[in-house]
Amino acid sequence: MQTYYFDMKDGVPVRDRAGLEFRTDSQAIMHCKELARRFSHERLVRDDNLFVVVINESGAEIHREAVYPDTHRATSA
């Protein structure tokens, strides 16, 4: 199991200090997609530049998911 961190970014990152454990990068990415989907439905703030970013234990960004995908495309490293 590895610990993955799910930061929020809209220019200034909001760091996830606790992280969650997953067996694979793919599982962490699926969780990231679900987080972004939930945030988009809550619509607390409409910031077209808002992303959920997955950071692995080594500190490398492995995935970036747009909360509002109609304005951005998701990317994987």
N, C-alpha and C. Protein backbone atom coordinates (compact mmCIF):
# COMPACT_ATOMS: atom_id res chain seq x y z
N MET A 1 0.85 -1.18 0.00
CA MET A 1 0.00 0.00 0.00
C MET A 1 0.89 1.24 0.00
N GLN A 2 0.45 2.22 -0.75
CA GLN A 2 1.14 3.51 -0.80
C GLN A 2 0.18 4.61 -0.34
N THR A 3 0.73 5.67 0.19
CA THR A 3 -0.08 6.82 0.58
C THR A 3 -0.10 7.81 -0.57
N TYR A 4 -1.29 8.28 -0.89
CA TYR A 4 -1.49 9.28 -1.94
C TYR A 4 -2.16 10.50 -1.32
N TYR A 5 -1.81 11.66 -1.84
CA TYR A 5 -2.35 12.92 -1.35
C TYR A 5 -3.18 13.56 -2.44
N PHE A 6 -4.27 14.18 -2.04
CA PHE A 6 -5.23 14.75 -2.99
C PHE A 6 -5.34 16.24 -2.74
N ASP A 7 -4.48 17.00 -3.43
CA ASP A 7 -4.44 18.45 -3.26
C ASP A 7 -5.48 19.11 -4.15
N MET A 8 -5.97 20.25 -3.69
CA MET A 8 -6.85 21.10 -4.49
C MET A 8 -5.98 22.23 -5.03
N LYS A 9 -6.12 22.52 -6.31
CA LYS A 9 -5.33 23.60 -6.92
C LYS A 9 -6.22 24.48 -7.77
N ASP A 10 -6.06 25.78 -7.56
CA ASP A 10 -6.72 26.78 -8.41
C ASP A 10 -5.80 27.98 -8.53
N GLY A 11 -4.54 27.70 -8.69
CA GLY A 11 -3.51 28.73 -8.67
C GLY A 11 -2.70 28.59 -7.40
N VAL A 12 -3.37 28.52 -6.26
CA VAL A 12 -2.72 28.31 -4.98
C VAL A 12 -3.16 26.94 -4.46
N PRO A 13 -2.20 26.02 -4.20
CA PRO A 13 -2.61 24.68 -3.76
C PRO A 13 -3.09 24.64 -2.32
N VAL A 14 -4.06 23.78 -2.08
CA VAL A 14 -4.51 23.45 -0.72
C VAL A 14 -4.02 22.03 -0.49
N ARG A 15 -3.07 21.87 0.40
CA ARG A 15 -2.40 20.58 0.60
C ARG A 15 -3.21 19.62 1.45
N ASP A 16 -3.25 18.38 1.00
CA ASP A 16 -3.81 17.26 1.77
C ASP A 16 -2.67 16.76 2.65
N ARG A 17 -2.80 16.92 3.95
CA ARG A 17 -1.73 16.52 4.87
C ARG A 17 -1.86 15.07 5.35
N ALA A 18 -3.07 14.49 5.26
CA ALA A 18 -3.30 13.15 5.79
C ALA A 18 -3.05 12.06 4.74
N GLY A 19 -3.60 12.25 3.56
CA GLY A 19 -3.47 11.25 2.51
C GLY A 19 -4.34 10.03 2.76
N LEU A 20 -4.40 9.18 1.75
CA LEU A 20 -5.14 7.92 1.82
C LEU A 20 -4.27 6.83 1.20
N GLU A 21 -4.47 5.60 1.65
CA GLU A 21 -3.69 4.49 1.11
C GLU A 21 -4.47 3.76 0.02
N PHE A 22 -3.76 3.44 -1.06
CA PHE A 22 -4.28 2.65 -2.15
C PHE A 22 -3.20 1.68 -2.60
N ARG A 23 -3.62 0.59 -3.20
CA ARG A 23 -2.65 -0.40 -3.69
C ARG A 23 -1.96 0.05 -4.98
N THR A 24 -2.70 0.77 -5.83
CA THR A 24 -2.15 1.14 -7.14
C THR A 24 -2.43 2.60 -7.46
N ASP A 25 -1.65 3.13 -8.39
CA ASP A 25 -1.90 4.48 -8.90
C ASP A 25 -3.31 4.57 -9.48
N SER A 26 -3.73 3.52 -10.18
CA SER A 26 -5.06 3.52 -10.82
C SER A 26 -6.18 3.70 -9.81
N GLN A 27 -6.06 3.05 -8.66
CA GLN A 27 -7.09 3.20 -7.63
C GLN A 27 -7.11 4.63 -7.09
N ALA A 28 -5.93 5.22 -6.90
CA ALA A 28 -5.85 6.60 -6.42
C ALA A 28 -6.44 7.56 -7.45
N ILE A 29 -6.20 7.31 -8.72
CA ILE A 29 -6.74 8.15 -9.79
C ILE A 29 -8.25 8.04 -9.84
N MET A 30 -8.78 6.83 -9.67
CA MET A 30 -10.24 6.66 -9.65
C MET A 30 -10.85 7.45 -8.49
N HIS A 31 -10.19 7.44 -7.34
CA HIS A 31 -10.67 8.20 -6.18
C HIS A 31 -10.64 9.70 -6.50
N CYS A 32 -9.59 10.16 -7.15
CA CYS A 32 -9.46 11.56 -7.55
C CYS A 32 -10.62 11.97 -8.46
N LYS A 33 -10.95 11.14 -9.42
CA LYS A 33 -12.05 11.43 -10.34
C LYS A 33 -13.37 11.56 -9.58
N GLU A 34 -13.57 10.69 -8.59
CA GLU A 34 -14.79 10.74 -7.78
C GLU A 34 -14.83 12.02 -6.94
N LEU A 35 -13.69 12.40 -6.36
CA LEU A 35 -13.64 13.66 -5.59
C LEU A 35 -14.01 14.85 -6.47
N ALA A 36 -13.42 14.91 -7.65
CA ALA A 36 -13.69 16.02 -8.57
C ALA A 36 -15.17 16.06 -8.95
N ARG A 37 -15.75 14.88 -9.19
CA ARG A 37 -17.17 14.81 -9.54
C ARG A 37 -18.03 15.34 -8.39
N ARG A 38 -17.71 14.93 -7.17
CA ARG A 38 -18.47 15.40 -6.00
C ARG A 38 -18.36 16.91 -5.84
N PHE A 39 -17.14 17.44 -5.97
CA PHE A 39 -16.96 18.88 -5.84
C PHE A 39 -17.74 19.64 -6.91
N SER A 40 -17.78 19.10 -8.12
CA SER A 40 -18.49 19.79 -9.20
C SER A 40 -19.99 19.84 -8.93
N HIS A 41 -20.52 18.80 -8.28
CA HIS A 41 -21.95 18.78 -7.97
C HIS A 41 -22.30 19.66 -6.78
N GLU A 42 -21.36 19.84 -5.85
CA GLU A 42 -21.61 20.70 -4.69
C GLU A 42 -21.66 22.17 -5.10
N ARG A 43 -20.86 22.53 -6.08
CA ARG A 43 -20.81 23.89 -6.63
C ARG A 43 -20.75 24.97 -5.55
N LEU A 44 -19.91 24.74 -4.56
CA LEU A 44 -19.71 25.75 -3.52
C LEU A 44 -19.03 26.99 -4.10
N VAL A 45 -18.09 26.75 -4.99
CA VAL A 45 -17.37 27.83 -5.66
C VAL A 45 -17.23 27.42 -7.12
N ARG A 46 -17.57 28.30 -8.01
CA ARG A 46 -17.41 28.00 -9.44
C ARG A 46 -16.10 28.63 -9.90
N ASP A 47 -15.04 27.83 -9.84
CA ASP A 47 -13.73 28.27 -10.29
C ASP A 47 -13.31 27.32 -11.41
N ASP A 48 -13.32 27.82 -12.63
CA ASP A 48 -13.01 26.97 -13.77
C ASP A 48 -11.58 26.44 -13.75
N ASN A 49 -10.73 27.00 -12.90
CA ASN A 49 -9.34 26.56 -12.80
C ASN A 49 -9.11 25.62 -11.62
N LEU A 50 -10.18 25.06 -11.05
CA LEU A 50 -10.06 24.19 -9.89
C LEU A 50 -9.78 22.75 -10.33
N PHE A 51 -8.73 22.16 -9.75
CA PHE A 51 -8.33 20.79 -10.03
C PHE A 51 -8.13 20.02 -8.74
N VAL A 52 -8.31 18.71 -8.80
CA VAL A 52 -7.86 17.80 -7.75
C VAL A 52 -6.61 17.12 -8.32
N VAL A 53 -5.52 17.17 -7.56
CA VAL A 53 -4.25 16.65 -8.02
C VAL A 53 -3.83 15.49 -7.13
N VAL A 54 -3.41 14.38 -7.73
CA VAL A 54 -2.94 13.22 -6.98
C VAL A 54 -1.41 13.28 -6.90
N ILE A 55 -0.90 13.23 -5.67
CA ILE A 55 0.53 13.24 -5.40
C ILE A 55 0.89 11.90 -4.75
N ASN A 56 1.91 11.22 -5.27
CA ASN A 56 2.30 9.95 -4.66
C ASN A 56 3.26 10.18 -3.49
N GLU A 57 3.67 9.08 -2.84
CA GLU A 57 4.55 9.19 -1.67
C GLU A 57 5.87 9.88 -1.97
N SER A 58 6.33 9.77 -3.20
CA SER A 58 7.59 10.40 -3.59
C SER A 58 7.45 11.89 -3.85
N GLY A 59 6.21 12.38 -3.84
CA GLY A 59 5.97 13.79 -4.09
C GLY A 59 5.71 14.14 -5.54
N ALA A 60 5.59 13.11 -6.39
CA ALA A 60 5.35 13.34 -7.82
C ALA A 60 3.85 13.41 -8.11
N GLU A 61 3.48 14.36 -8.95
CA GLU A 61 2.09 14.46 -9.40
C GLU A 61 1.85 13.35 -10.42
N ILE A 62 0.84 12.51 -10.16
CA ILE A 62 0.56 11.42 -11.11
C ILE A 62 -0.73 11.62 -11.89
N HIS A 63 -1.56 12.56 -11.43
CA HIS A 63 -2.81 12.82 -12.15
C HIS A 63 -3.37 14.17 -11.72
N ARG A 64 -4.06 14.82 -12.66
CA ARG A 64 -4.73 16.09 -12.40
C ARG A 64 -6.11 16.00 -13.03
N GLU A 65 -7.15 16.23 -12.21
CA GLU A 65 -8.53 16.12 -12.69
C GLU A 65 -9.24 17.45 -12.51
N ALA A 66 -9.78 17.99 -13.59
CA ALA A 66 -10.53 19.24 -13.52
C ALA A 66 -11.85 19.00 -12.80
N VAL A 67 -12.20 19.89 -11.88
CA VAL A 67 -13.48 19.79 -11.19
C VAL A 67 -14.60 20.16 -12.15
N TYR A 68 -14.33 21.09 -13.04
CA TYR A 68 -15.30 21.49 -14.06
C TYR A 68 -14.74 21.10 -15.43
N PRO A 69 -14.89 19.83 -15.81
CA PRO A 69 -14.25 19.33 -17.03
C PRO A 69 -14.75 19.95 -18.32
N ASP A 70 -15.88 20.66 -18.27
CA ASP A 70 -16.36 21.31 -19.49
C ASP A 70 -15.43 22.43 -19.94
N THR A 71 -14.54 22.88 -19.05
CA THR A 71 -13.61 23.94 -19.41
C THR A 71 -12.17 23.46 -19.52
N HIS A 72 -11.89 22.23 -19.03
CA HIS A 72 -10.53 21.68 -19.05
C HIS A 72 -10.58 20.20 -19.34
N ARG A 73 -9.47 19.68 -19.82
CA ARG A 73 -9.33 18.24 -20.01
C ARG A 73 -8.46 17.69 -18.90
N ALA A 74 -8.79 16.51 -18.36
CA ALA A 74 -7.98 15.85 -17.33
C ALA A 74 -6.71 15.32 -17.98
N THR A 75 -5.62 15.29 -17.20
CA THR A 75 -4.36 14.79 -17.70
C THR A 75 -3.74 13.81 -16.72
N SER A 76 -3.01 12.85 -17.25
CA SER A 76 -2.24 11.91 -16.43
C SER A 76 -0.79 12.08 -16.76
N ALA A 77 0.05 11.88 -15.78
CA ALA A 77 1.50 11.95 -16.00
C ALA A 77 2.00 10.62 -16.53
